[in-house]
Amino acid sequence: MGNIVAEIKSVNEILNIENLKIPEYQRPYRWNGKNVRLLLEDIFTNKNTGKQKYRIGSIILHKDNENLMIVDGQQRITTLLILDLVCNRESKLNNKLT
């Protein structure tokens, strides 16, 4: 059995892992608008209470050869990645229009 390493990482660090993969055994993305809204409401509620950090919960990754496979946290990671892509695309578009 390999070593188990626990680390606290920022969402940005997780989203920027180049070799992050979803293994075939994981269920497909299933979150709907309600799930996304609840995650965002939780993040904004946390921010509005003045807390400096927000923990999205445990993300479990497994190293498989050169890839890091998502064992737990796929729905949250995928949602945050989609939001990041949409927000960055919108930001880039707004910069081009102004």
N, C-alpha and C. Protein backbone atom coordinates (compact mmCIF):
# COMPACT_ATOMS: atom_id res chain seq x y z
N MET A 1 0.84 -1.18 0.00
CA MET A 1 0.00 0.00 0.00
C MET A 1 0.88 1.23 0.00
N GLY A 2 0.52 2.24 -0.80
CA GLY A 2 1.29 3.47 -0.89
C GLY A 2 1.06 4.39 0.29
N ASN A 3 1.83 5.43 0.31
CA ASN A 3 1.68 6.44 1.36
C ASN A 3 0.43 7.27 1.14
N ILE A 4 -0.23 7.60 2.23
CA ILE A 4 -1.38 8.50 2.17
C ILE A 4 -0.91 9.87 2.61
N VAL A 5 -1.17 10.87 1.77
CA VAL A 5 -0.74 12.24 2.05
C VAL A 5 -1.98 13.12 2.08
N ALA A 6 -2.18 13.85 3.15
CA ALA A 6 -3.29 14.79 3.26
C ALA A 6 -2.72 16.20 3.19
N GLU A 7 -3.30 17.02 2.32
CA GLU A 7 -2.86 18.40 2.16
C GLU A 7 -4.07 19.30 2.00
N ILE A 8 -3.91 20.53 2.41
CA ILE A 8 -4.95 21.54 2.15
C ILE A 8 -4.50 22.31 0.92
N LYS A 9 -5.34 22.30 -0.09
CA LYS A 9 -5.06 22.98 -1.35
C LYS A 9 -6.17 23.97 -1.65
N SER A 10 -5.82 25.02 -2.35
CA SER A 10 -6.84 25.98 -2.78
C SER A 10 -7.60 25.40 -3.98
N VAL A 11 -8.79 25.93 -4.20
CA VAL A 11 -9.57 25.50 -5.36
C VAL A 11 -8.77 25.78 -6.63
N ASN A 12 -8.11 26.92 -6.68
CA ASN A 12 -7.31 27.28 -7.85
C ASN A 12 -6.22 26.24 -8.11
N GLU A 13 -5.57 25.78 -7.05
CA GLU A 13 -4.53 24.75 -7.21
C GLU A 13 -5.13 23.46 -7.77
N ILE A 14 -6.28 23.07 -7.26
CA ILE A 14 -6.93 21.84 -7.74
C ILE A 14 -7.34 21.98 -9.21
N LEU A 15 -7.95 23.11 -9.56
CA LEU A 15 -8.43 23.29 -10.92
C LEU A 15 -7.30 23.40 -11.93
N ASN A 16 -6.11 23.72 -11.47
CA ASN A 16 -4.97 23.87 -12.38
C ASN A 16 -4.07 22.65 -12.44
N ILE A 17 -4.49 21.54 -11.86
CA ILE A 17 -3.72 20.29 -11.99
C ILE A 17 -3.90 19.79 -13.42
N GLU A 18 -2.81 19.72 -14.16
CA GLU A 18 -2.90 19.35 -15.58
C GLU A 18 -3.25 17.89 -15.81
N ASN A 19 -2.83 17.02 -14.91
CA ASN A 19 -3.04 15.59 -15.13
C ASN A 19 -4.21 15.05 -14.29
N LEU A 20 -5.18 15.91 -13.99
CA LEU A 20 -6.35 15.52 -13.22
C LEU A 20 -7.35 14.83 -14.16
N LYS A 21 -7.77 13.64 -13.79
CA LYS A 21 -8.65 12.85 -14.65
C LYS A 21 -9.82 12.28 -13.84
N ILE A 22 -10.91 12.01 -14.55
CA ILE A 22 -12.05 11.32 -13.95
C ILE A 22 -11.97 9.87 -14.43
N PRO A 23 -11.82 8.93 -13.49
CA PRO A 23 -11.71 7.53 -13.91
C PRO A 23 -13.02 7.00 -14.49
N GLU A 24 -12.91 5.98 -15.30
CA GLU A 24 -14.09 5.41 -15.97
C GLU A 24 -15.13 4.89 -14.99
N TYR A 25 -14.71 4.46 -13.81
CA TYR A 25 -15.66 3.90 -12.86
C TYR A 25 -16.51 4.96 -12.17
N GLN A 26 -16.18 6.23 -12.32
CA GLN A 26 -16.97 7.30 -11.70
C GLN A 26 -18.28 7.49 -12.46
N ARG A 27 -19.31 7.82 -11.71
CA ARG A 27 -20.59 8.11 -12.35
C ARG A 27 -20.48 9.41 -13.15
N PRO A 28 -21.34 9.58 -14.14
CA PRO A 28 -21.30 10.82 -14.92
C PRO A 28 -21.70 12.04 -14.07
N TYR A 29 -21.45 13.20 -14.60
CA TYR A 29 -21.83 14.44 -13.92
C TYR A 29 -23.35 14.49 -13.80
N ARG A 30 -23.83 14.68 -12.57
CA ARG A 30 -25.27 14.62 -12.32
C ARG A 30 -25.85 15.87 -11.67
N TRP A 31 -25.01 16.83 -11.31
CA TRP A 31 -25.55 17.98 -10.60
C TRP A 31 -26.48 18.78 -11.48
N ASN A 32 -27.55 19.28 -10.85
CA ASN A 32 -28.49 20.14 -11.55
C ASN A 32 -28.37 21.56 -11.00
N GLY A 33 -29.23 22.44 -11.46
CA GLY A 33 -29.17 23.84 -11.03
C GLY A 33 -29.29 24.01 -9.53
N LYS A 34 -30.10 23.18 -8.89
CA LYS A 34 -30.29 23.28 -7.45
C LYS A 34 -28.99 22.97 -6.71
N ASN A 35 -28.28 21.92 -7.13
CA ASN A 35 -27.01 21.58 -6.50
C ASN A 35 -25.98 22.71 -6.64
N VAL A 36 -25.91 23.27 -7.83
CA VAL A 36 -24.97 24.37 -8.10
C VAL A 36 -25.34 25.58 -7.25
N ARG A 37 -26.63 25.90 -7.21
CA ARG A 37 -27.10 27.05 -6.42
C ARG A 37 -26.76 26.87 -4.95
N LEU A 38 -26.97 25.66 -4.41
CA LEU A 38 -26.65 25.41 -3.00
C LEU A 38 -25.16 25.59 -2.72
N LEU A 39 -24.31 25.11 -3.62
CA LEU A 39 -22.86 25.29 -3.45
C LEU A 39 -22.51 26.77 -3.46
N LEU A 40 -23.05 27.51 -4.43
CA LEU A 40 -22.75 28.94 -4.52
C LEU A 40 -23.30 29.71 -3.33
N GLU A 41 -24.51 29.38 -2.89
CA GLU A 41 -25.08 30.05 -1.71
C GLU A 41 -24.21 29.80 -0.48
N ASP A 42 -23.71 28.58 -0.34
CA ASP A 42 -22.85 28.25 0.79
C ASP A 42 -21.54 29.05 0.73
N ILE A 43 -20.98 29.15 -0.46
CA ILE A 43 -19.74 29.93 -0.63
C ILE A 43 -19.99 31.40 -0.29
N PHE A 44 -21.06 31.99 -0.83
CA PHE A 44 -21.34 33.41 -0.59
C PHE A 44 -21.72 33.68 0.86
N THR A 45 -22.47 32.77 1.49
CA THR A 45 -22.81 32.92 2.90
C THR A 45 -21.54 32.94 3.74
N ASN A 46 -20.63 32.03 3.44
CA ASN A 46 -19.35 31.98 4.14
C ASN A 46 -18.57 33.28 3.96
N LYS A 47 -18.54 33.78 2.74
CA LYS A 47 -17.81 35.02 2.45
C LYS A 47 -18.44 36.21 3.18
N ASN A 48 -19.75 36.25 3.20
CA ASN A 48 -20.45 37.37 3.84
C ASN A 48 -20.33 37.38 5.36
N THR A 49 -19.92 36.27 5.95
CA THR A 49 -19.70 36.24 7.40
C THR A 49 -18.31 36.74 7.76
N GLY A 50 -17.53 37.10 6.73
CA GLY A 50 -16.20 37.66 6.96
C GLY A 50 -15.09 36.64 7.06
N LYS A 51 -15.40 35.38 6.82
CA LYS A 51 -14.36 34.36 6.87
C LYS A 51 -13.42 34.51 5.69
N GLN A 52 -12.15 34.30 5.94
CA GLN A 52 -11.14 34.45 4.90
C GLN A 52 -11.05 33.23 3.99
N LYS A 53 -11.41 32.07 4.52
CA LYS A 53 -11.27 30.83 3.75
C LYS A 53 -12.57 30.05 3.77
N TYR A 54 -12.80 29.32 2.72
CA TYR A 54 -13.97 28.45 2.61
C TYR A 54 -13.50 27.06 2.21
N ARG A 55 -13.94 26.08 2.91
CA ARG A 55 -13.56 24.69 2.59
C ARG A 55 -14.71 24.02 1.87
N ILE A 56 -14.42 23.52 0.69
CA ILE A 56 -15.47 22.88 -0.11
C ILE A 56 -15.65 21.41 0.24
N GLY A 57 -14.90 20.94 1.19
CA GLY A 57 -14.99 19.54 1.59
C GLY A 57 -13.81 18.75 1.06
N SER A 58 -13.80 17.50 1.42
CA SER A 58 -12.68 16.64 1.03
C SER A 58 -12.72 16.33 -0.46
N ILE A 59 -11.56 16.35 -1.04
CA ILE A 59 -11.36 15.90 -2.41
C ILE A 59 -10.34 14.78 -2.30
N ILE A 60 -10.67 13.62 -2.80
CA ILE A 60 -9.75 12.49 -2.72
C ILE A 60 -9.25 12.16 -4.12
N LEU A 61 -7.93 12.19 -4.25
CA LEU A 61 -7.28 11.87 -5.52
C LEU A 61 -6.41 10.64 -5.35
N HIS A 62 -6.29 9.88 -6.40
CA HIS A 62 -5.46 8.67 -6.40
C HIS A 62 -4.47 8.77 -7.56
N LYS A 63 -3.19 8.63 -7.25
CA LYS A 63 -2.20 8.69 -8.32
C LYS A 63 -2.19 7.36 -9.07
N ASP A 64 -2.41 7.44 -10.37
CA ASP A 64 -2.43 6.28 -11.24
C ASP A 64 -1.47 6.57 -12.39
N ASN A 65 -0.29 6.00 -12.32
CA ASN A 65 0.78 6.29 -13.27
C ASN A 65 1.08 7.79 -13.22
N GLU A 66 0.89 8.50 -14.33
CA GLU A 66 1.19 9.94 -14.35
C GLU A 66 -0.02 10.81 -14.06
N ASN A 67 -1.20 10.21 -13.88
CA ASN A 67 -2.43 10.97 -13.68
C ASN A 67 -2.89 10.95 -12.23
N LEU A 68 -3.62 11.99 -11.86
CA LEU A 68 -4.31 12.03 -10.57
C LEU A 68 -5.79 11.81 -10.85
N MET A 69 -6.30 10.71 -10.34
CA MET A 69 -7.69 10.31 -10.59
C MET A 69 -8.58 10.82 -9.46
N ILE A 70 -9.72 11.39 -9.81
CA ILE A 70 -10.65 11.90 -8.82
C ILE A 70 -11.46 10.73 -8.26
N VAL A 71 -11.26 10.44 -6.99
CA VAL A 71 -11.99 9.36 -6.31
C VAL A 71 -13.24 9.93 -5.65
N ASP A 72 -13.11 11.11 -5.03
CA ASP A 72 -14.25 11.76 -4.38
C ASP A 72 -14.14 13.25 -4.60
N GLY A 73 -15.27 13.88 -4.94
CA GLY A 73 -15.31 15.32 -5.16
C GLY A 73 -15.51 15.71 -6.61
N GLN A 74 -15.80 14.72 -7.45
CA GLN A 74 -15.94 14.98 -8.88
C GLN A 74 -17.02 16.01 -9.19
N GLN A 75 -18.18 15.91 -8.54
CA GLN A 75 -19.28 16.82 -8.84
C GLN A 75 -18.89 18.27 -8.49
N ARG A 76 -18.26 18.45 -7.32
CA ARG A 76 -17.83 19.79 -6.91
C ARG A 76 -16.73 20.34 -7.81
N ILE A 77 -15.74 19.51 -8.11
CA ILE A 77 -14.63 19.95 -8.96
C ILE A 77 -15.14 20.31 -10.35
N THR A 78 -15.98 19.46 -10.93
CA THR A 78 -16.51 19.71 -12.26
C THR A 78 -17.33 21.00 -12.29
N THR A 79 -18.17 21.19 -11.28
CA THR A 79 -18.99 22.40 -11.20
C THR A 79 -18.11 23.64 -11.10
N LEU A 80 -17.13 23.61 -10.23
CA LEU A 80 -16.25 24.77 -10.07
C LEU A 80 -15.43 25.03 -11.33
N LEU A 81 -15.03 23.98 -12.03
CA LEU A 81 -14.30 24.15 -13.28
C LEU A 81 -15.19 24.79 -14.35
N ILE A 82 -16.43 24.34 -14.44
CA ILE A 82 -17.38 24.93 -15.40
C ILE A 82 -17.59 26.41 -15.08
N LEU A 83 -17.82 26.72 -13.81
CA LEU A 83 -18.02 28.12 -13.40
C LEU A 83 -16.79 28.97 -13.71
N ASP A 84 -15.61 28.41 -13.44
CA ASP A 84 -14.36 29.12 -13.73
C ASP A 84 -14.22 29.40 -15.22
N LEU A 85 -14.52 28.41 -16.04
CA LEU A 85 -14.42 28.59 -17.49
C LEU A 85 -15.41 29.65 -17.98
N VAL A 86 -16.65 29.59 -17.48
CA VAL A 86 -17.67 30.56 -17.90
C VAL A 86 -17.28 31.96 -17.46
N CYS A 87 -16.86 32.11 -16.20
CA CYS A 87 -16.50 33.44 -15.68
C CYS A 87 -15.29 34.00 -16.40
N ASN A 88 -14.30 33.19 -16.64
CA ASN A 88 -13.11 33.67 -17.34
C ASN A 88 -13.41 34.02 -18.79
N ARG A 89 -14.26 33.23 -19.43
CA ARG A 89 -14.64 33.52 -20.82
C ARG A 89 -15.40 34.84 -20.87
N GLU A 90 -16.33 35.03 -19.92
CA GLU A 90 -17.10 36.27 -19.87
C GLU A 90 -16.19 37.46 -19.59
N SER A 91 -15.23 37.29 -18.68
CA SER A 91 -14.30 38.36 -18.36
C SER A 91 -13.45 38.72 -19.57
N LYS A 92 -12.98 37.72 -20.30
CA LYS A 92 -12.18 37.98 -21.49
C LYS A 92 -13.01 38.67 -22.56
N LEU A 93 -14.26 38.25 -22.71
CA LEU A 93 -15.16 38.88 -23.69
C LEU A 93 -15.40 40.33 -23.33
N ASN A 94 -15.68 40.62 -22.04
CA ASN A 94 -15.90 41.99 -21.61
C ASN A 94 -14.67 42.86 -21.84
N ASN A 95 -13.48 42.31 -21.63
CA ASN A 95 -12.24 43.06 -21.86
C ASN A 95 -12.08 43.40 -23.33
N LYS A 96 -12.51 42.50 -24.22
CA LYS A 96 -12.40 42.75 -25.66
C LYS A 96 -13.41 43.80 -26.11
N LEU A 97 -14.56 43.86 -25.44
CA LEU A 97 -15.62 44.78 -25.84
C LEU A 97 -15.39 46.20 -25.32
N THR A 98 -14.58 46.34 -24.27
CA THR A 98 -14.37 47.68 -23.71
C THR A 98 -13.12 48.33 -24.21
